[in-house]
N, C-alpha and C. Protein backbone atom coordinates (compact mmCIF):
# COMPACT_ATOMS: atom_id res chain seq x y z
N UNK A 1 -19.01 39.90 11.63
CA UNK A 1 -19.38 38.52 11.47
C UNK A 1 -20.21 38.38 10.20
N UNK A 2 -19.90 37.36 9.41
CA UNK A 2 -20.60 37.12 8.15
C UNK A 2 -21.12 35.69 8.14
N UNK A 3 -22.40 35.54 7.88
CA UNK A 3 -22.99 34.20 7.79
C UNK A 3 -22.58 33.56 6.47
N UNK A 4 -22.08 32.34 6.53
CA UNK A 4 -21.65 31.65 5.31
C UNK A 4 -22.55 30.47 4.99
N UNK A 5 -23.72 30.43 5.58
CA UNK A 5 -24.66 29.37 5.28
C UNK A 5 -25.15 28.70 6.54
N UNK A 6 -26.05 27.78 6.38
CA UNK A 6 -26.61 27.05 7.50
C UNK A 6 -26.31 25.56 7.38
N UNK A 7 -26.72 24.83 8.38
CA UNK A 7 -26.56 23.38 8.36
C UNK A 7 -25.24 22.87 8.88
N UNK A 8 -24.44 23.76 9.45
CA UNK A 8 -23.12 23.34 9.94
C UNK A 8 -23.22 22.43 11.16
N UNK A 9 -24.40 22.35 11.78
CA UNK A 9 -24.55 21.46 12.93
C UNK A 9 -24.55 19.98 12.52
N UNK A 10 -24.51 19.71 11.22
CA UNK A 10 -24.38 18.34 10.73
C UNK A 10 -22.98 17.79 10.98
N UNK A 11 -22.07 18.67 11.38
CA UNK A 11 -20.67 18.29 11.58
C UNK A 11 -20.29 18.38 13.05
N UNK A 12 -19.41 17.47 13.46
CA UNK A 12 -18.92 17.53 14.84
C UNK A 12 -17.52 18.14 14.91
N UNK A 13 -16.93 18.42 13.74
CA UNK A 13 -15.63 19.08 13.72
C UNK A 13 -15.47 19.87 12.42
N UNK A 14 -15.03 21.11 12.55
CA UNK A 14 -14.70 21.96 11.41
C UNK A 14 -13.26 22.42 11.59
N UNK A 15 -12.48 22.34 10.52
CA UNK A 15 -11.06 22.68 10.61
C UNK A 15 -10.70 23.61 9.45
N UNK A 16 -10.14 24.75 9.80
CA UNK A 16 -9.56 25.61 8.77
C UNK A 16 -8.23 24.97 8.38
N UNK A 17 -8.21 24.39 7.22
CA UNK A 17 -7.10 23.53 6.83
C UNK A 17 -6.05 24.20 5.97
N UNK A 18 -6.18 25.49 5.77
CA UNK A 18 -5.25 26.16 4.87
C UNK A 18 -5.67 25.91 3.43
N UNK A 19 -4.72 25.80 2.55
CA UNK A 19 -4.99 25.63 1.12
C UNK A 19 -4.72 24.17 0.73
N UNK A 20 -5.69 23.31 0.93
CA UNK A 20 -5.52 21.87 0.68
C UNK A 20 -5.26 21.58 -0.79
N UNK A 21 -5.96 22.25 -1.69
CA UNK A 21 -5.84 21.94 -3.12
C UNK A 21 -4.83 22.83 -3.85
N UNK A 22 -4.11 23.65 -3.10
CA UNK A 22 -3.03 24.49 -3.64
C UNK A 22 -3.46 25.43 -4.76
N UNK A 23 -4.68 25.98 -4.62
CA UNK A 23 -5.15 26.94 -5.62
C UNK A 23 -5.03 28.38 -5.13
N UNK A 24 -4.43 28.57 -3.96
CA UNK A 24 -4.24 29.92 -3.43
C UNK A 24 -5.38 30.42 -2.57
N UNK A 25 -6.39 29.57 -2.32
CA UNK A 25 -7.54 29.96 -1.50
C UNK A 25 -7.68 29.02 -0.31
N UNK A 26 -8.10 29.57 0.81
CA UNK A 26 -8.27 28.76 2.02
C UNK A 26 -9.44 27.81 1.88
N UNK A 27 -9.26 26.60 2.37
CA UNK A 27 -10.28 25.56 2.31
C UNK A 27 -10.73 25.20 3.72
N UNK A 28 -11.78 24.40 3.79
CA UNK A 28 -12.35 23.99 5.07
C UNK A 28 -12.58 22.48 5.04
N UNK A 29 -12.19 21.81 6.12
CA UNK A 29 -12.51 20.39 6.29
C UNK A 29 -13.60 20.26 7.33
N UNK A 30 -14.54 19.36 7.09
CA UNK A 30 -15.64 19.14 8.01
C UNK A 30 -15.85 17.64 8.19
N UNK A 31 -16.00 17.21 9.44
CA UNK A 31 -16.29 15.81 9.72
C UNK A 31 -17.72 15.70 10.23
N UNK A 32 -18.51 14.83 9.59
CA UNK A 32 -19.89 14.68 10.04
C UNK A 32 -19.97 13.67 11.18
N UNK A 33 -21.16 13.51 11.73
CA UNK A 33 -21.35 12.66 12.91
C UNK A 33 -21.16 11.18 12.61
N UNK A 34 -21.14 10.81 11.33
CA UNK A 34 -20.88 9.42 10.94
C UNK A 34 -19.40 9.17 10.68
N UNK A 35 -18.57 10.19 10.85
CA UNK A 35 -17.13 10.03 10.66
C UNK A 35 -16.66 10.25 9.23
N UNK A 36 -17.52 10.80 8.38
CA UNK A 36 -17.13 11.09 6.99
C UNK A 36 -16.49 12.47 6.94
N UNK A 37 -15.34 12.56 6.28
CA UNK A 37 -14.63 13.82 6.14
C UNK A 37 -14.96 14.44 4.79
N UNK A 38 -15.27 15.74 4.82
CA UNK A 38 -15.66 16.50 3.63
C UNK A 38 -14.72 17.68 3.43
N UNK A 39 -14.44 17.98 2.18
CA UNK A 39 -13.63 19.14 1.82
C UNK A 39 -14.53 20.19 1.18
N UNK A 40 -14.45 21.40 1.71
CA UNK A 40 -15.10 22.56 1.11
C UNK A 40 -13.99 23.44 0.55
N UNK A 41 -13.86 23.46 -0.77
CA UNK A 41 -12.82 24.25 -1.41
C UNK A 41 -13.23 25.72 -1.44
N UNK A 42 -12.33 26.59 -0.99
CA UNK A 42 -12.59 28.02 -1.04
C UNK A 42 -12.56 28.51 -2.48
N UNK A 43 -13.42 29.50 -2.77
CA UNK A 43 -13.47 29.99 -4.15
C UNK A 43 -13.19 31.49 -4.26
N UNK A 44 -12.97 32.16 -3.14
CA UNK A 44 -12.66 33.59 -3.18
C UNK A 44 -13.87 34.50 -3.23
N UNK A 45 -15.07 33.94 -3.29
CA UNK A 45 -16.29 34.74 -3.33
C UNK A 45 -16.73 35.04 -1.90
N UNK A 46 -16.73 36.29 -1.52
CA UNK A 46 -17.06 36.68 -0.16
C UNK A 46 -18.51 36.33 0.21
N UNK A 47 -19.42 36.36 -0.73
CA UNK A 47 -20.83 36.10 -0.45
C UNK A 47 -21.18 34.61 -0.43
N UNK A 48 -20.40 33.79 -1.08
CA UNK A 48 -20.63 32.35 -1.15
C UNK A 48 -19.25 31.69 -1.24
N UNK A 49 -18.52 31.60 -0.11
CA UNK A 49 -17.08 31.35 -0.15
C UNK A 49 -16.62 29.93 -0.46
N UNK A 50 -17.53 28.95 -0.55
CA UNK A 50 -17.09 27.58 -0.76
C UNK A 50 -17.80 26.93 -1.94
N UNK A 51 -17.07 26.04 -2.62
CA UNK A 51 -17.66 25.21 -3.66
C UNK A 51 -18.48 24.11 -2.98
N UNK A 52 -19.19 23.31 -3.77
CA UNK A 52 -19.90 22.16 -3.21
C UNK A 52 -18.91 21.22 -2.53
N UNK A 53 -19.36 20.59 -1.49
CA UNK A 53 -18.46 19.73 -0.73
C UNK A 53 -18.03 18.51 -1.53
N UNK A 54 -16.85 18.00 -1.18
CA UNK A 54 -16.28 16.81 -1.81
C UNK A 54 -16.01 15.80 -0.71
N UNK A 55 -16.51 14.58 -0.89
CA UNK A 55 -16.31 13.53 0.11
C UNK A 55 -14.89 13.01 0.02
N UNK A 56 -14.18 13.08 1.15
CA UNK A 56 -12.82 12.56 1.20
C UNK A 56 -12.83 11.09 1.58
N UNK A 57 -13.66 10.72 2.56
CA UNK A 57 -13.74 9.32 2.96
C UNK A 57 -14.29 9.16 4.36
N UNK A 58 -14.56 7.93 4.73
CA UNK A 58 -15.11 7.62 6.04
C UNK A 58 -14.05 7.13 7.01
N UNK A 59 -14.49 6.84 8.22
CA UNK A 59 -13.61 6.31 9.24
C UNK A 59 -12.86 7.36 10.05
N UNK A 60 -13.16 8.62 9.82
CA UNK A 60 -12.45 9.69 10.50
C UNK A 60 -12.96 9.93 11.92
N UNK A 61 -14.00 9.22 12.33
CA UNK A 61 -14.52 9.39 13.68
C UNK A 61 -13.61 8.75 14.73
N UNK A 62 -12.63 7.98 14.31
CA UNK A 62 -11.69 7.39 15.27
C UNK A 62 -10.64 8.39 15.75
N UNK A 63 -10.59 9.55 15.14
CA UNK A 63 -9.59 10.56 15.50
C UNK A 63 -10.23 11.67 16.34
N UNK A 64 -9.50 12.12 17.34
CA UNK A 64 -9.99 13.24 18.16
C UNK A 64 -9.52 14.58 17.61
N UNK A 65 -8.44 14.59 16.84
CA UNK A 65 -7.93 15.80 16.20
C UNK A 65 -7.64 15.50 14.73
N UNK A 66 -7.95 16.46 13.89
CA UNK A 66 -7.66 16.28 12.46
C UNK A 66 -6.36 16.96 12.07
N UNK A 67 -6.05 18.09 12.70
CA UNK A 67 -4.81 18.81 12.42
C UNK A 67 -4.31 19.45 13.68
C-alpha cells in the first residue's frame, strides 16, 4: 500500500477512469460533496502520481454512478 496524499475525504466518489486525456497514463475522477467533478491526470511519478486537479464542472451530484 502506498499513500498518495491526504484530503481525499473531501470527495464522496473516486473513480479510476482509465486514460481520460489519452496520454498513456491512468487518470482519476473525483466528485466532491457539492457535486463538482474533478480530473486528476496521472503523470507516471510513483511518489506523486497526479497533476493538480482540473475542474470538469458541477451538477454531478445528481448521478449515483459515474462509470
